[in-house]
Structure formats: C-alpha cells, structure tokens
Amino acid sequence: AAEPPDWNAVADVDTVSVVTTNPDGSLRHTTVWLVVVAGRGYLRTGSTSWGANVERDPAVKLLIGDAEYAFRADSVEAEDERARLTAAFNEKYGWSDTLMGWFRGAHPMILRLASL
C-alpha cells in the first residue's frame, strides 16, 4: 500500500473503491463516495455488507485511481462533526446525496480514514 494520499489533491474524485473483508475471508470491493474535510478523507454507508465488515474489522483498503492505500476506518459519532460531514457530502453530491439518504437511513455510518 502507498503512503496516505494528499487528501486535498483527491478531494474532487467522485468515487473510490473500498476493500473490506467478508466474514468468510473473501474481499469485498465496493464503489463509494468520498469527501475530504479539513484535510481528511471520509466515507459513508447505511446498513450494508461492507459497513458490517468495517464494524467487524476496521482495516480497509482504498483504491483511488491506480493507487492503493491502507487505512483504519473509524466511526464518527460526535453529532456536530456528523452534521458538518453530512453537509459536505450534500454539497459535493447534491440531489443524488439527498436521494440516497432514503436508502442510508436517518443515522448512516460515517467513517474517518486513519492511517495504519
């Protein structure tokens, strides 16, 4: 895995692939949205298989273009930070983000990507 990315340099990337480990040990590749806030990367999900994988094992890989990065995905629980990040996702993805909110539910999992 490469050194962590320059988050500001990848802030305009629309989608990335997050790689998690399924309960049977196989890898799950999932295309997700990425936001960068204050020089850090964040992902978000609702009740998904890859989200359950992160809860079980927070070690993830992120594929951005041809580069692969290893991270620990930490859940963001502070409501003020969650509100700021939700606004960032909405600003970046607009009406698509609003529409997807119906599927994610009222309290989606927001993940801060921390270097291993």
Protein backbone atom coordinates (compact mmCIF):
# COMPACT_ATOMS: atom_id res chain seq x y z
CA ALA A 1 0.00 0.00 0.00
CA ALA A 2 1.16 3.51 -0.78
CA GLU A 3 1.67 6.32 1.75
CA PRO A 4 -1.59 8.13 2.55
CA PRO A 5 -2.78 10.35 -0.29
CA ASP A 6 -2.67 14.10 -0.31
CA TRP A 7 -6.36 14.37 0.59
CA ASN A 8 -6.71 17.84 -0.92
CA ALA A 9 -5.36 16.51 -4.24
CA VAL A 10 -8.08 13.81 -4.38
CA ALA A 11 -10.94 15.92 -2.98
CA ASP A 12 -12.58 16.21 -6.42
CA VAL A 13 -12.57 12.44 -7.06
CA ASP A 14 -16.21 11.34 -7.23
CA THR A 15 -15.91 7.66 -6.37
CA VAL A 16 -13.33 5.33 -4.88
CA SER A 17 -13.30 1.61 -4.22
CA VAL A 18 -13.22 0.48 -0.60
CA VAL A 19 -12.00 -3.05 0.04
CA THR A 20 -13.25 -4.84 3.15
CA THR A 21 -13.07 -8.44 4.35
CA ASN A 22 -16.22 -10.55 4.36
CA PRO A 23 -16.90 -12.97 7.26
CA ASP A 24 -15.65 -15.87 5.11
CA GLY A 25 -12.32 -14.09 4.49
CA SER A 26 -13.05 -13.09 0.89
CA LEU A 27 -12.57 -9.49 -0.17
CA ARG A 28 -15.47 -7.17 -0.99
CA HIS A 29 -14.85 -4.26 -3.39
CA THR A 30 -17.47 -1.53 -3.13
CA THR A 31 -17.64 1.74 -5.06
CA VAL A 32 -18.40 4.61 -2.67
CA TRP A 33 -18.42 8.39 -2.48
CA LEU A 34 -15.56 10.24 -0.81
CA VAL A 35 -15.48 13.64 0.85
CA VAL A 36 -12.44 15.48 2.13
CA VAL A 37 -12.95 17.85 5.05
CA ALA A 38 -10.11 19.67 6.82
CA GLY A 39 -7.53 17.54 5.03
CA ARG A 40 -9.04 14.14 5.97
CA GLY A 41 -10.95 11.55 3.96
CA TYR A 42 -14.42 10.29 4.91
CA LEU A 43 -16.79 7.61 3.61
CA ARG A 44 -20.43 6.93 4.47
CA THR A 45 -22.80 3.97 4.31
CA GLY A 46 -26.13 2.74 5.57
CA SER A 47 -26.92 -0.85 6.52
CA THR A 48 -24.63 -2.54 4.01
CA SER A 49 -22.46 -5.64 3.88
CA TRP A 50 -19.31 -3.57 3.57
CA GLY A 51 -20.40 -1.44 6.53
CA ALA A 52 -20.88 -4.59 8.62
CA ASN A 53 -17.42 -5.70 7.50
CA VAL A 54 -15.93 -2.42 8.78
CA GLU A 55 -17.70 -2.85 12.13
CA ARG A 56 -16.15 -6.30 12.46
CA ASP A 57 -12.69 -5.31 11.13
CA PRO A 58 -11.93 -1.61 10.61
CA ALA A 59 -8.86 -2.32 8.45
CA VAL A 60 -9.76 -1.28 4.89
CA LYS A 61 -8.02 -0.55 1.64
CA LEU A 62 -8.97 2.36 -0.54
CA LEU A 63 -8.35 2.32 -4.28
CA ILE A 64 -8.07 5.77 -5.84
CA GLY A 65 -7.20 5.52 -9.50
CA ASP A 66 -4.23 3.16 -9.73
CA ALA A 67 -3.09 3.71 -6.13
CA GLU A 68 -3.97 1.53 -3.12
CA TYR A 69 -3.95 2.85 0.44
CA ALA A 70 -4.37 1.04 3.77
CA PHE A 71 -6.48 2.67 6.48
CA ARG A 72 -8.38 2.09 9.66
CA ALA A 73 -11.99 3.26 9.27
CA ASP A 74 -13.11 4.96 12.49
CA SER A 75 -16.79 5.67 13.08
CA VAL A 76 -17.65 9.33 13.58
CA GLU A 77 -20.13 9.69 16.45
CA ALA A 78 -19.95 13.35 17.53
CA GLU A 79 -23.15 14.98 16.28
CA ASP A 80 -21.51 18.31 15.40
CA GLU A 81 -18.89 16.54 13.28
CA ARG A 82 -21.53 14.28 11.70
CA ALA A 83 -23.58 17.37 10.74
CA ARG A 84 -20.53 19.03 9.17
CA LEU A 85 -19.69 15.88 7.19
CA THR A 86 -23.28 15.32 6.09
CA ALA A 87 -23.30 18.90 4.76
CA ALA A 88 -20.03 18.20 2.89
CA PHE A 89 -21.49 15.09 1.23
CA ASN A 90 -24.60 17.05 0.28
CA GLU A 91 -22.57 19.93 -1.13
CA LYS A 92 -20.41 17.60 -3.23
CA TYR A 93 -23.10 15.19 -4.46
CA GLY A 94 -26.22 17.39 -4.44
CA TRP A 95 -29.60 15.88 -5.20
CA SER A 96 -28.04 12.41 -5.61
CA ASP A 97 -26.97 12.57 -1.98
CA THR A 98 -30.45 13.61 -0.89
CA LEU A 99 -31.99 10.73 -2.86
CA MET A 100 -29.53 8.18 -1.43
CA GLY A 101 -30.41 9.40 2.06
CA TRP A 102 -33.68 7.48 1.75
CA PHE A 103 -31.66 4.27 1.50
CA ARG A 104 -28.98 5.09 4.08
CA GLY A 105 -31.48 5.89 6.82
CA ALA A 106 -31.51 8.58 9.48
CA HIS A 107 -28.18 7.69 11.12
CA PRO A 108 -25.75 6.39 8.47
CA MET A 109 -22.29 5.19 9.39
CA ILE A 110 -19.75 7.95 8.70
CA LEU A 111 -16.15 6.74 8.61
CA ARG A 112 -12.95 8.73 9.10
CA LEU A 113 -9.99 7.17 7.30
CA ALA A 114 -6.95 7.00 9.59
CA SER A 115 -3.52 5.83 8.51
CA LEU A 116 -2.40 2.46 9.82
